[in-house]
Amino acid sequence: MDDWDRPFTDEELKEIDAAFESATKRRNDSGDVAGAGDESCRESRRRLPESLFVYNQQNEGSNTSSLTPCIRNRSQCSYSYRSSNQAKIVMQYPEMTFKGHVIYSRTTKEVEQSAVELFNFVEEKKRKEGHVALGFDIEWKPTFRRGVPPGKAAVMQICGDKGNCYVLHIIHSGIPQTLQFLLEDPTVVKAGVCIANDAYKVLQDHNVSVSAWEDLSELANRKLDDPKKWSLASLTEKLLAKQLPKPSNIRLGNWEANMLSREQLHYAATDAFVSWYLYQALKSLPEIVDDKK
């Protein structure tokens, strides 16, 4: 193993922390103001609330989940050196994954049953909280030949909490009545990245509207002092200090298959869960105030 690729020892991590604290103290004592690109400055101005925790189920065989703030539990993160013109610290975040129950529906009857369960869940949330948001995403079979259009929206995944995620194989079932009613309900927020494109594709492919959608990238730019075009993966890293795996063999796989694989189901469920989770995290943050106004 090359010395530059080995993990940091505990002693080296302590030295890095000590050097950082010393530099921070010198800057504060001198009265210098950090620049706009200074990460520590941004964190002091846009600190995440203590209630924003990373979902991390410690025991897959248990229904009990543990919510642990990653920034306070550095054992979850790994560090390594990389060689270039100068030494850089590369932090590899642990994976963000859905550990709840995946409900897979393929036939029209199964998808209708799942939609009824979702409808009942939504109505209960409305009675208790008055506001309901669902993580929403779709998948379709890509094309790799010029002139051949991509497939129709084949899979729809919907998640409303950390316990259950519904993966609906709509290329086989179509969109039954209860699911259509839920998608068109203007009182239920559907959250996702680039969700306008997904809503348009559902309309084009299945003639069903998706109402009350919220783009997480646009929401993030109203909440974070770092405007950009966010992806689901980059938002997961920014807010939760987790990485969202996007293996190409699954992401670009055959979503029109007769039955989805375990890997496809896990991928689809995780995307919907993360969309729901990030929406909750972003809504808990205050809007950015423009001091120039």
C-alpha atoms as a PDB file:
ATOM      1  CA  MET A   1       0.000   0.000   0.000  1.00  0.00           C
ATOM      2  CA  ASP A   2       1.324   3.455  -0.971  1.00  0.00           C
ATOM      3  CA  ASP A   3       1.923   5.610   2.109  1.00  0.00           C
ATOM      4  CA  TRP A   4      -0.268   8.360   0.602  1.00  0.00           C
ATOM      5  CA  ASP A   5      -3.266   6.007   0.366  1.00  0.00           C
ATOM      6  CA  ARG A   6      -3.147   4.636   3.908  1.00  0.00           C
ATOM      7  CA  PRO A   7      -5.843   5.696   6.447  1.00  0.00           C
ATOM      8  CA  PHE A   8      -5.003   8.278   9.097  1.00  0.00           C
ATOM      9  CA  THR A   9      -3.963   6.953  12.499  1.00  0.00           C
ATOM     10  CA  ASP A  10      -5.681   8.278  15.639  1.00  0.00           C
ATOM     11  CA  GLU A  11      -2.572  10.309  16.486  1.00  0.00           C
ATOM     12  CA  GLU A  12      -2.561  11.947  13.034  1.00  0.00           C
ATOM     13  CA  LEU A  13      -6.258  12.801  13.334  1.00  0.00           C
ATOM     14  CA  LYS A  14      -5.580  14.437  16.699  1.00  0.00           C
ATOM     15  CA  GLU A  15      -2.783  16.483  15.139  1.00  0.00           C
ATOM     16  CA  ILE A  16      -5.084  17.631  12.328  1.00  0.00           C
ATOM     17  CA  ASP A  17      -7.771  18.637  14.833  1.00  0.00           C
ATOM     18  CA  ALA A  18      -5.216  20.498  16.960  1.00  0.00           C
ATOM     19  CA  ALA A  19      -3.842  22.365  13.936  1.00  0.00           C
ATOM     20  CA  PHE A  20      -7.344  23.333  12.795  1.00  0.00           C
ATOM     21  CA  GLU A  21      -8.344  24.560  16.249  1.00  0.00           C
ATOM     22  CA  SER A  22      -5.112  26.558  16.536  1.00  0.00           C
ATOM     23  CA  ALA A  23      -5.651  28.191  13.142  1.00  0.00           C
ATOM     24  CA  THR A  24      -9.272  29.005  13.998  1.00  0.00           C
ATOM     25  CA  LYS A  25      -8.213  30.567  17.317  1.00  0.00           C
ATOM     26  CA  ARG A  26      -5.556  32.708  15.626  1.00  0.00           C
ATOM     27  CA  ARG A  27      -8.071  33.965  13.046  1.00  0.00           C
ATOM     28  CA  ASN A  28     -10.657  34.786  15.727  1.00  0.00           C
ATOM     29  CA  ASP A  29      -8.054  36.516  17.946  1.00  0.00           C
ATOM     30  CA  SER A  30      -6.849  38.660  15.056  1.00  0.00           C
ATOM     31  CA  GLY A  31     -10.392  39.760  14.192  1.00  0.00           C
ATOM     32  CA  ASP A  32     -10.109  38.603  10.575  1.00  0.00           C
ATOM     33  CA  VAL A  33     -13.346  37.930   8.735  1.00  0.00           C
ATOM     34  CA  ALA A  34     -13.527  34.681   6.780  1.00  0.00           C
ATOM     35  CA  GLY A  35     -14.153  34.954   3.074  1.00  0.00           C
ATOM     36  CA  ALA A  36     -17.326  33.848   1.286  1.00  0.00           C
ATOM     37  CA  GLY A  37     -15.699  30.555   0.332  1.00  0.00           C
ATOM     38  CA  ASP A  38     -14.628  29.693   3.879  1.00  0.00           C
ATOM     39  CA  GLU A  39     -16.516  26.532   4.872  1.00  0.00           C
ATOM     40  CA  SER A  40     -16.270  27.163   8.602  1.00  0.00           C
ATOM     41  CA  CYS A  41     -17.796  30.604   8.105  1.00  0.00           C
ATOM     42  CA  ARG A  42     -20.700  29.195   6.135  1.00  0.00           C
ATOM     43  CA  GLU A  43     -21.306  26.547   8.781  1.00  0.00           C
ATOM     44  CA  SER A  44     -21.405  29.161  11.542  1.00  0.00           C
ATOM     45  CA  ARG A  45     -23.993  31.157   9.620  1.00  0.00           C
ATOM     46  CA  ARG A  46     -26.070  28.235   8.336  1.00  0.00           C
ATOM     47  CA  ARG A  47     -25.710  25.697  11.147  1.00  0.00           C
ATOM     48  CA  LEU A  48     -28.118  22.769  10.839  1.00  0.00           C
ATOM     49  CA  PRO A  49     -30.534  22.343  13.747  1.00  0.00           C
ATOM     50  CA  GLU A  50     -29.791  19.715  16.376  1.00  0.00           C
ATOM     51  CA  SER A  51     -32.953  17.875  15.323  1.00  0.00           C
ATOM     52  CA  LEU A  52     -31.452  17.077  11.910  1.00  0.00           C
ATOM     53  CA  PHE A  53     -30.103  13.574  12.373  1.00  0.00           C
ATOM     54  CA  VAL A  54     -28.873  10.923   9.998  1.00  0.00           C
ATOM     55  CA  TYR A  55     -31.100   7.867   9.765  1.00  0.00           C
ATOM     56  CA  ASN A  56     -28.928   4.908  10.696  1.00  0.00           C
ATOM     57  CA  GLN A  57     -30.530   1.606  11.649  1.00  0.00           C
ATOM     58  CA  GLN A  58     -27.965  -0.291  13.677  1.00  0.00           C
ATOM     59  CA  ASN A  59     -29.680  -3.673  13.564  1.00  0.00           C
ATOM     60  CA  GLU A  60     -31.268  -4.736  10.285  1.00  0.00           C
ATOM     61  CA  GLY A  61     -33.182  -7.493  12.040  1.00  0.00           C
ATOM     62  CA  SER A  62     -34.790  -5.044  14.455  1.00  0.00           C
ATOM     63  CA  ASN A  63     -37.611  -2.569  13.986  1.00  0.00           C
ATOM     64  CA  THR A  64     -35.780  -0.151  16.261  1.00  0.00           C
ATOM     65  CA  SER A  65     -33.824   2.575  14.507  1.00  0.00           C
ATOM     66  CA  SER A  66     -31.101   4.828  15.842  1.00  0.00           C
ATOM     67  CA  LEU A  67     -30.763   8.425  14.703  1.00  0.00           C
ATOM     68  CA  THR A  68     -27.151   9.493  15.059  1.00  0.00           C
ATOM     69  CA  PRO A  69     -25.644  12.864  14.088  1.00  0.00           C
ATOM     70  CA  CYS A  70     -22.772  11.924  11.773  1.00  0.00           C
ATOM     71  CA  ILE A  71     -20.756  15.013  12.590  1.00  0.00           C
ATOM     72  CA  ARG A  72     -20.594  13.908  16.240  1.00  0.00           C
ATOM     73  CA  ASN A  73     -19.758  10.315  15.449  1.00  0.00           C
ATOM     74  CA  ARG A  74     -16.561  10.464  13.455  1.00  0.00           C
ATOM     75  CA  SER A  75     -16.163   6.698  13.651  1.00  0.00           C
ATOM     76  CA  GLN A  76     -18.756   6.536  10.859  1.00  0.00           C
ATOM     77  CA  CYS A  77     -16.440   8.400   8.494  1.00  0.00           C
ATOM     78  CA  SER A  78     -13.106   7.297   7.038  1.00  0.00           C
ATOM     79  CA  TYR A  79     -10.172   9.493   6.049  1.00  0.00           C
ATOM     80  CA  SER A  80      -7.290   8.931   3.659  1.00  0.00           C
ATOM     81  CA  TYR A  81      -4.412  10.781   1.975  1.00  0.00           C
ATOM     82  CA  ARG A  82      -4.318  11.423  -1.760  1.00  0.00           C
ATOM     83  CA  SER A  83      -1.131  12.417  -3.595  1.00  0.00           C
ATOM     84  CA  SER A  84      -1.108  15.403  -5.995  1.00  0.00           C
ATOM     85  CA  ASN A  85       0.738  18.705  -5.936  1.00  0.00           C
ATOM     86  CA  GLN A  86       0.018  18.760  -2.241  1.00  0.00           C
ATOM     87  CA  ALA A  87      -1.491  16.381   0.298  1.00  0.00           C
ATOM     88  CA  LYS A  88      -5.283  16.494   0.472  1.00  0.00           C
ATOM     89  CA  ILE A  89      -7.694  15.065   2.994  1.00  0.00           C
ATOM     90  CA  VAL A  90     -10.382  12.942   1.363  1.00  0.00           C
ATOM     91  CA  MET A  91     -13.352  12.059   3.513  1.00  0.00           C
ATOM     92  CA  GLN A  92     -15.345   9.021   2.429  1.00  0.00           C
ATOM     93  CA  TYR A  93     -18.849   9.212   3.843  1.00  0.00           C
ATOM     94  CA  PRO A  94     -20.821   6.138   4.896  1.00  0.00           C
ATOM     95  CA  GLU A  95     -23.641   5.099   2.583  1.00  0.00           C
ATOM     96  CA  MET A  96     -27.171   6.411   2.931  1.00  0.00           C
ATOM     97  CA  THR A  97     -29.574   3.503   2.576  1.00  0.00           C
ATOM     98  CA  PHE A  98     -33.178   2.607   3.272  1.00  0.00           C
ATOM     99  CA  LYS A  99     -33.520   0.053   6.065  1.00  0.00           C
ATOM    100  CA  GLY A 100     -37.289  -0.114   6.258  1.00  0.00           C
ATOM    101  CA  HIS A 101     -39.872  -2.316   4.550  1.00  0.00           C
ATOM    102  CA  VAL A 102     -40.060  -2.291   0.722  1.00  0.00           C
ATOM    103  CA  ILE A 103     -43.538  -3.068  -0.634  1.00  0.00           C
ATOM    104  CA  TYR A 104     -43.217  -4.191  -4.262  1.00  0.00           C
ATOM    105  CA  SER A 105     -46.366  -4.245  -6.415  1.00  0.00           C
ATOM    106  CA  ARG A 106     -46.495  -5.478  -9.989  1.00  0.00           C
ATOM    107  CA  THR A 107     -50.055  -6.322 -11.093  1.00  0.00           C
ATOM    108  CA  THR A 108     -52.917  -3.822 -11.350  1.00  0.00           C
ATOM    109  CA  LYS A 109     -54.586  -5.376  -8.304  1.00  0.00           C
ATOM    110  CA  GLU A 110     -51.376  -5.209  -6.248  1.00  0.00           C
ATOM    111  CA  VAL A 111     -50.660  -1.590  -7.228  1.00  0.00           C
ATOM    112  CA  GLU A 112     -54.241  -0.602  -6.399  1.00  0.00           C
ATOM    113  CA  GLN A 113     -53.893  -2.254  -2.986  1.00  0.00           C
ATOM    114  CA  SER A 114     -50.631  -0.382  -2.350  1.00  0.00           C
ATOM    115  CA  ALA A 115     -52.273   2.880  -3.434  1.00  0.00           C
ATOM    116  CA  VAL A 116     -55.123   2.297  -0.974  1.00  0.00           C
ATOM    117  CA  GLU A 117     -52.579   1.752   1.812  1.00  0.00           C
ATOM    118  CA  LEU A 118     -50.803   4.960   0.821  1.00  0.00           C
ATOM    119  CA  PHE A 119     -54.096   6.846   0.680  1.00  0.00           C
ATOM    120  CA  ASN A 120     -55.004   5.694   4.209  1.00  0.00           C
ATOM    121  CA  PHE A 121     -51.518   6.647   5.430  1.00  0.00           C
ATOM    122  CA  VAL A 122     -51.877  10.120   3.886  1.00  0.00           C
ATOM    123  CA  GLU A 123     -55.320  10.694   5.384  1.00  0.00           C
ATOM    124  CA  GLU A 124     -54.055   9.716   8.838  1.00  0.00           C
ATOM    125  CA  LYS A 125     -51.091  12.105   8.513  1.00  0.00           C
ATOM    126  CA  LYS A 126     -53.448  14.886   7.457  1.00  0.00           C
ATOM    127  CA  ARG A 127     -55.579  14.372  10.574  1.00  0.00           C
ATOM    128  CA  LYS A 128     -52.550  14.333  12.884  1.00  0.00           C
ATOM    129  CA  GLU A 129     -50.241  16.906  11.284  1.00  0.00           C
ATOM    130  CA  GLY A 130     -52.273  18.775   8.676  1.00  0.00           C
ATOM    131  CA  HIS A 131     -49.446  18.538   6.144  1.00  0.00           C
ATOM    132  CA  VAL A 132     -48.239  15.553   4.137  1.00  0.00           C
ATOM    133  CA  ALA A 133     -45.147  15.170   1.948  1.00  0.00           C
ATOM    134  CA  LEU A 134     -44.061  12.099   0.009  1.00  0.00           C
ATOM    135  CA  GLY A 135     -40.687  11.274  -1.497  1.00  0.00           C
ATOM    136  CA  PHE A 136     -41.280  10.595  -5.189  1.00  0.00           C
ATOM    137  CA  ASP A 137     -39.210   9.230  -8.062  1.00  0.00           C
ATOM    138  CA  ILE A 138     -39.592   7.196 -11.253  1.00  0.00           C
ATOM    139  CA  GLU A 139     -37.382   4.911 -13.329  1.00  0.00           C
ATOM    140  CA  TRP A 140     -37.474   3.903 -16.975  1.00  0.00           C
ATOM    141  CA  LYS A 141     -35.482   1.770 -19.367  1.00  0.00           C
ATOM    142  CA  PRO A 142     -32.782   3.883 -21.064  1.00  0.00           C
ATOM    143  CA  THR A 143     -31.860   3.607 -24.715  1.00  0.00           C
ATOM    144  CA  PHE A 144     -28.344   3.406 -26.110  1.00  0.00           C
ATOM    145  CA  ARG A 145     -29.210   3.555 -29.822  1.00  0.00           C
ATOM    146  CA  ARG A 146     -29.518   6.755 -31.809  1.00  0.00           C
ATOM    147  CA  GLY A 147     -33.073   7.464 -32.904  1.00  0.00           C
ATOM    148  CA  VAL A 148     -34.600   5.028 -30.415  1.00  0.00           C
ATOM    149  CA  PRO A 149     -36.567   6.840 -27.682  1.00  0.00           C
ATOM    150  CA  PRO A 150     -36.266   5.794 -24.025  1.00  0.00           C
ATOM    151  CA  GLY A 151     -38.893   3.523 -22.530  1.00  0.00           C
ATOM    152  CA  LYS A 152     -42.050   4.652 -20.791  1.00  0.00           C
ATOM    153  CA  ALA A 153     -42.043   5.418 -17.069  1.00  0.00           C
ATOM    154  CA  ALA A 154     -41.736   1.871 -15.760  1.00  0.00           C
ATOM    155  CA  VAL A 155     -41.333   2.132 -11.984  1.00  0.00           C
ATOM    156  CA  MET A 156     -42.754   4.631  -9.506  1.00  0.00           C
ATOM    157  CA  GLN A 157     -41.440   4.743  -5.954  1.00  0.00           C
ATOM    158  CA  ILE A 158     -43.187   6.601  -3.133  1.00  0.00           C
ATOM    159  CA  CYS A 159     -42.100   6.985   0.494  1.00  0.00           C
ATOM    160  CA  GLY A 160     -43.744   8.864   3.368  1.00  0.00           C
ATOM    161  CA  ASP A 161     -41.718   7.778   6.396  1.00  0.00           C
ATOM    162  CA  LYS A 162     -38.668   5.751   7.420  1.00  0.00           C
ATOM    163  CA  GLY A 163     -40.681   2.568   7.849  1.00  0.00           C
ATOM    164  CA  ASN A 164     -42.236   1.793   4.455  1.00  0.00           C
ATOM    165  CA  CYS A 165     -41.487   2.504   0.807  1.00  0.00           C
ATOM    166  CA  TYR A 166     -43.745   1.496  -2.087  1.00  0.00           C
ATOM    167  CA  VAL A 167     -42.166   0.412  -5.375  1.00  0.00           C
ATOM    168  CA  LEU A 168     -44.856   0.234  -8.071  1.00  0.00           C
ATOM    169  CA  HIS A 169     -44.073  -1.543 -11.353  1.00  0.00           C
ATOM    170  CA  ILE A 170     -46.417   0.614 -13.426  1.00  0.00           C
ATOM    171  CA  ILE A 171     -45.080  -0.565 -16.805  1.00  0.00           C
ATOM    172  CA  HIS A 172     -47.053  -3.783 -16.108  1.00  0.00           C
ATOM    173  CA  SER A 173     -49.935  -2.459 -14.010  1.00  0.00           C
ATOM    174  CA  GLY A 174     -50.597   0.969 -15.431  1.00  0.00           C
ATOM    175  CA  ILE A 175     -51.809   3.648 -12.984  1.00  0.00           C
ATOM    176  CA  PRO A 176     -55.045   2.502 -11.323  1.00  0.00           C
ATOM    177  CA  GLN A 177     -57.692   4.875 -10.021  1.00  0.00           C
ATOM    178  CA  THR A 178     -56.592   5.291  -6.392  1.00  0.00           C
ATOM    179  CA  LEU A 179     -52.975   5.923  -7.381  1.00  0.00           C
ATOM    180  CA  GLN A 180     -54.117   8.510  -9.931  1.00  0.00           C
ATOM    181  CA  PHE A 181     -56.226  10.231  -7.278  1.00  0.00           C
ATOM    182  CA  LEU A 182     -53.226  10.354  -4.929  1.00  0.00           C
ATOM    183  CA  LEU A 183     -50.882  11.741  -7.601  1.00  0.00           C
ATOM    184  CA  GLU A 184     -53.383  14.436  -8.578  1.00  0.00           C
ATOM    185  CA  ASP A 185     -54.167  15.431  -4.967  1.00  0.00           C
ATOM    186  CA  PRO A 186     -53.065  19.097  -4.620  1.00  0.00           C
ATOM    187  CA  THR A 187     -52.855  18.816  -0.815  1.00  0.00           C
ATOM    188  CA  VAL A 188     -50.116  16.156  -0.846  1.00  0.00           C
ATOM    189  CA  VAL A 189     -46.588  17.380  -1.654  1.00  0.00           C
ATOM    190  CA  LYS A 190     -44.460  15.121  -3.873  1.00  0.00           C
ATOM    191  CA  ALA A 191     -40.770  15.893  -3.342  1.00  0.00           C
ATOM    192  CA  GLY A 192     -37.823  15.009  -5.557  1.00  0.00           C
ATOM    193  CA  VAL A 193     -34.908  16.383  -7.571  1.00  0.00           C
ATOM    194  CA  CYS A 194     -35.873  17.510 -11.107  1.00  0.00           C
ATOM    195  CA  ILE A 195     -39.357  16.315 -10.285  1.00  0.00           C
ATOM    196  CA  ALA A 196     -40.913  18.551 -12.939  1.00  0.00           C
ATOM    197  CA  ASN A 197     -39.301  16.348 -15.591  1.00  0.00           C
ATOM    198  CA  ASP A 198     -40.614  13.217 -13.864  1.00  0.00           C
ATOM    199  CA  ALA A 199     -44.111  14.696 -13.654  1.00  0.00           C
ATOM    200  CA  TYR A 200     -44.007  15.574 -17.361  1.00  0.00           C
ATOM    201  CA  LYS A 201     -42.899  12.042 -18.279  1.00  0.00           C
ATOM    202  CA  VAL A 202     -45.705  10.477 -16.229  1.00  0.00           C
ATOM    203  CA  LEU A 203     -48.173  12.759 -18.006  1.00  0.00           C
ATOM    204  CA  GLN A 204     -46.765  11.917 -21.447  1.00  0.00           C
ATOM    205  CA  ASP A 205     -46.478   8.170 -20.834  1.00  0.00           C
ATOM    206  CA  HIS A 206     -49.544   7.484 -18.684  1.00  0.00           C
ATOM    207  CA  ASN A 207     -51.787  10.553 -19.137  1.00  0.00           C
ATOM    208  CA  VAL A 208     -51.826  11.234 -15.380  1.00  0.00           C
ATOM    209  CA  SER A 209     -50.890  14.543 -13.753  1.00  0.00           C
ATOM    210  CA  VAL A 210     -48.606  14.822 -10.735  1.00  0.00           C
ATOM    211  CA  SER A 211     -49.764  17.813  -8.688  1.00  0.00           C
ATOM    212  CA  ALA A 212     -48.178  19.750  -5.828  1.00  0.00           C
ATOM    213  CA  TRP A 213     -44.598  18.722  -6.589  1.00  0.00           C
ATOM    214  CA  GLU A 214     -41.586  20.363  -4.924  1.00  0.00           C
ATOM    215  CA  ASP A 215     -38.127  20.364  -6.470  1.00  0.00           C
ATOM    216  CA  LEU A 216     -35.518  19.693  -3.777  1.00  0.00           C
ATOM    217  CA  SER A 217     -32.807  21.542  -5.703  1.00  0.00           C
ATOM    218  CA  GLU A 218     -34.896  24.719  -5.818  1.00  0.00           C
ATOM    219  CA  LEU A 219     -35.873  24.308  -2.164  1.00  0.00           C
ATOM    220  CA  ALA A 220     -32.199  23.866  -1.215  1.00  0.00           C
ATOM    221  CA  ASN A 221     -31.282  27.092  -2.982  1.00  0.00           C
ATOM    222  CA  ARG A 222     -33.807  28.951  -0.832  1.00  0.00           C
ATOM    223  CA  LYS A 223     -32.361  27.407   2.332  1.00  0.00           C
ATOM    224  CA  LEU A 224     -28.601  26.986   1.790  1.00  0.00           C
ATOM    225  CA  ASP A 225     -26.010  29.704   1.272  1.00  0.00           C
ATOM    226  CA  ASP A 226     -24.509  27.733  -1.609  1.00  0.00           C
ATOM    227  CA  PRO A 227     -26.742  28.060  -4.710  1.00  0.00           C
ATOM    228  CA  LYS A 228     -26.249  25.470  -7.435  1.00  0.00           C
ATOM    229  CA  LYS A 229     -28.058  22.786  -9.387  1.00  0.00           C
ATOM    230  CA  TRP A 230     -28.230  20.076  -6.745  1.00  0.00           C
ATOM    231  CA  SER A 231     -28.481  16.355  -7.385  1.00  0.00           C
ATOM    232  CA  LEU A 232     -29.941  13.920  -4.874  1.00  0.00           C
ATOM    233  CA  ALA A 233     -26.432  12.617  -4.171  1.00  0.00           C
ATOM    234  CA  SER A 234     -24.839  16.054  -3.666  1.00  0.00           C
ATOM    235  CA  LEU A 235     -27.654  17.157  -1.353  1.00  0.00           C
ATOM    236  CA  THR A 236     -27.239  13.965   0.676  1.00  0.00           C
ATOM    237  CA  GLU A 237     -23.537  14.723   1.147  1.00  0.00           C
ATOM    238  CA  LYS A 238     -24.141  18.384   1.953  1.00  0.00           C
ATOM    239  CA  LEU A 239     -26.909  17.956   4.508  1.00  0.00           C
ATOM    240  CA  LEU A 240     -26.423  14.475   5.919  1.00  0.00           C
ATOM    241  CA  ALA A 241     -22.706  13.701   5.457  1.00  0.00           C
ATOM    242  CA  LYS A 242     -23.681  10.489   3.657  1.00  0.00           C
ATOM    243  CA  GLN A 243     -23.007   9.213   0.161  1.00  0.00           C
ATOM    244  CA  LEU A 244     -25.852   7.994  -2.040  1.00  0.00           C
ATOM    245  CA  PRO A 245     -24.700   5.053  -4.187  1.00  0.00           C
ATOM    246  CA  LYS A 246     -25.597   5.310  -7.887  1.00  0.00           C
ATOM    247  CA  PRO A 247     -24.237   2.128  -9.543  1.00  0.00           C
ATOM    248  CA  SER A 248     -24.610   2.428 -13.323  1.00  0.00           C
ATOM    249  CA  ASN A 249     -25.491  -1.227 -13.832  1.00  0.00           C
ATOM    250  CA  ILE A 250     -28.622  -0.678 -11.736  1.00  0.00           C
ATOM    251  CA  ARG A 251     -29.443   2.942 -12.575  1.00  0.00           C
ATOM    252  CA  LEU A 252     -29.214   2.217 -16.326  1.00  0.00           C
ATOM    253  CA  GLY A 253     -30.628  -1.289 -16.076  1.00  0.00           C
ATOM    254  CA  ASN A 254     -33.818  -2.819 -17.467  1.00  0.00           C
ATOM    255  CA  TRP A 255     -36.671  -1.360 -15.405  1.00  0.00           C
ATOM    256  CA  GLU A 256     -39.178  -3.070 -17.692  1.00  0.00           C
ATOM    257  CA  ALA A 257     -38.060  -6.544 -16.586  1.00  0.00           C
ATOM    258  CA  ASN A 258     -40.759  -9.031 -15.730  1.00  0.00           C
ATOM    259  CA  MET A 259     -39.701  -8.864 -12.060  1.00  0.00           C
ATOM    260  CA  LEU A 260     -37.395  -6.337 -10.445  1.00  0.00           C
ATOM    261  CA  SER A 261     -34.263  -7.663  -8.760  1.00  0.00           C
ATOM    262  CA  ARG A 262     -33.522  -7.197  -5.070  1.00  0.00           C
ATOM    263  CA  GLU A 263     -30.846  -4.640  -6.042  1.00  0.00           C
ATOM    264  CA  GLN A 264     -33.298  -2.662  -8.182  1.00  0.00           C
ATOM    265  CA  LEU A 265     -35.889  -2.620  -5.402  1.00  0.00           C
ATOM    266  CA  HIS A 266     -33.318  -1.403  -2.877  1.00  0.00           C
ATOM    267  CA  TYR A 267     -32.054   1.296  -5.254  1.00  0.00           C
ATOM    268  CA  ALA A 268     -35.564   2.554  -6.040  1.00  0.00           C
ATOM    269  CA  ALA A 269     -36.708   2.550  -2.410  1.00  0.00           C
ATOM    270  CA  THR A 270     -33.596   4.375  -1.211  1.00  0.00           C
ATOM    271  CA  ASP A 271     -34.069   7.202  -3.739  1.00  0.00           C
ATOM    272  CA  ALA A 272     -37.672   7.782  -2.639  1.00  0.00           C
ATOM    273  CA  PHE A 273     -36.730   7.573   1.044  1.00  0.00           C
ATOM    274  CA  VAL A 274     -33.855  10.044   0.637  1.00  0.00           C
ATOM    275  CA  SER A 275     -36.149  12.449  -1.255  1.00  0.00           C
ATOM    276  CA  TRP A 276     -38.636  12.355   1.628  1.00  0.00           C
ATOM    277  CA  TYR A 277     -35.904  12.667   4.255  1.00  0.00           C
ATOM    278  CA  LEU A 278     -34.155  15.603   2.570  1.00  0.00           C
ATOM    279  CA  TYR A 279     -37.472  17.408   2.230  1.00  0.00           C
ATOM    280  CA  GLN A 280     -38.008  17.142   5.983  1.00  0.00           C
ATOM    281  CA  ALA A 281     -34.450  18.377   6.623  1.00  0.00           C
ATOM    282  CA  LEU A 282     -34.723  21.341   4.262  1.00  0.00           C
ATOM    283  CA  LYS A 283     -38.130  22.425   5.542  1.00  0.00           C
ATOM    284  CA  SER A 284     -36.677  22.618   9.065  1.00  0.00           C
ATOM    285  CA  LEU A 285     -34.172  25.277   7.934  1.00  0.00           C
ATOM    286  CA  PRO A 286     -35.017  29.002   7.766  1.00  0.00           C
ATOM    287  CA  GLU A 287     -35.166  30.830   4.472  1.00  0.00           C
ATOM    288  CA  ILE A 288     -32.054  32.805   3.488  1.00  0.00           C
ATOM    289  CA  VAL A 289     -32.420  36.496   4.251  1.00  0.00           C
ATOM    290  CA  ASP A 290     -30.984  38.838   1.627  1.00  0.00           C
ATOM    291  CA  ASP A 291     -29.129  41.523   3.639  1.00  0.00           C
ATOM    292  CA  LYS A 292     -28.930  43.780   0.569  1.00  0.00           C
ATOM    293  CA  LYS A 293     -32.697  44.357   0.523  1.00  0.00           C
END
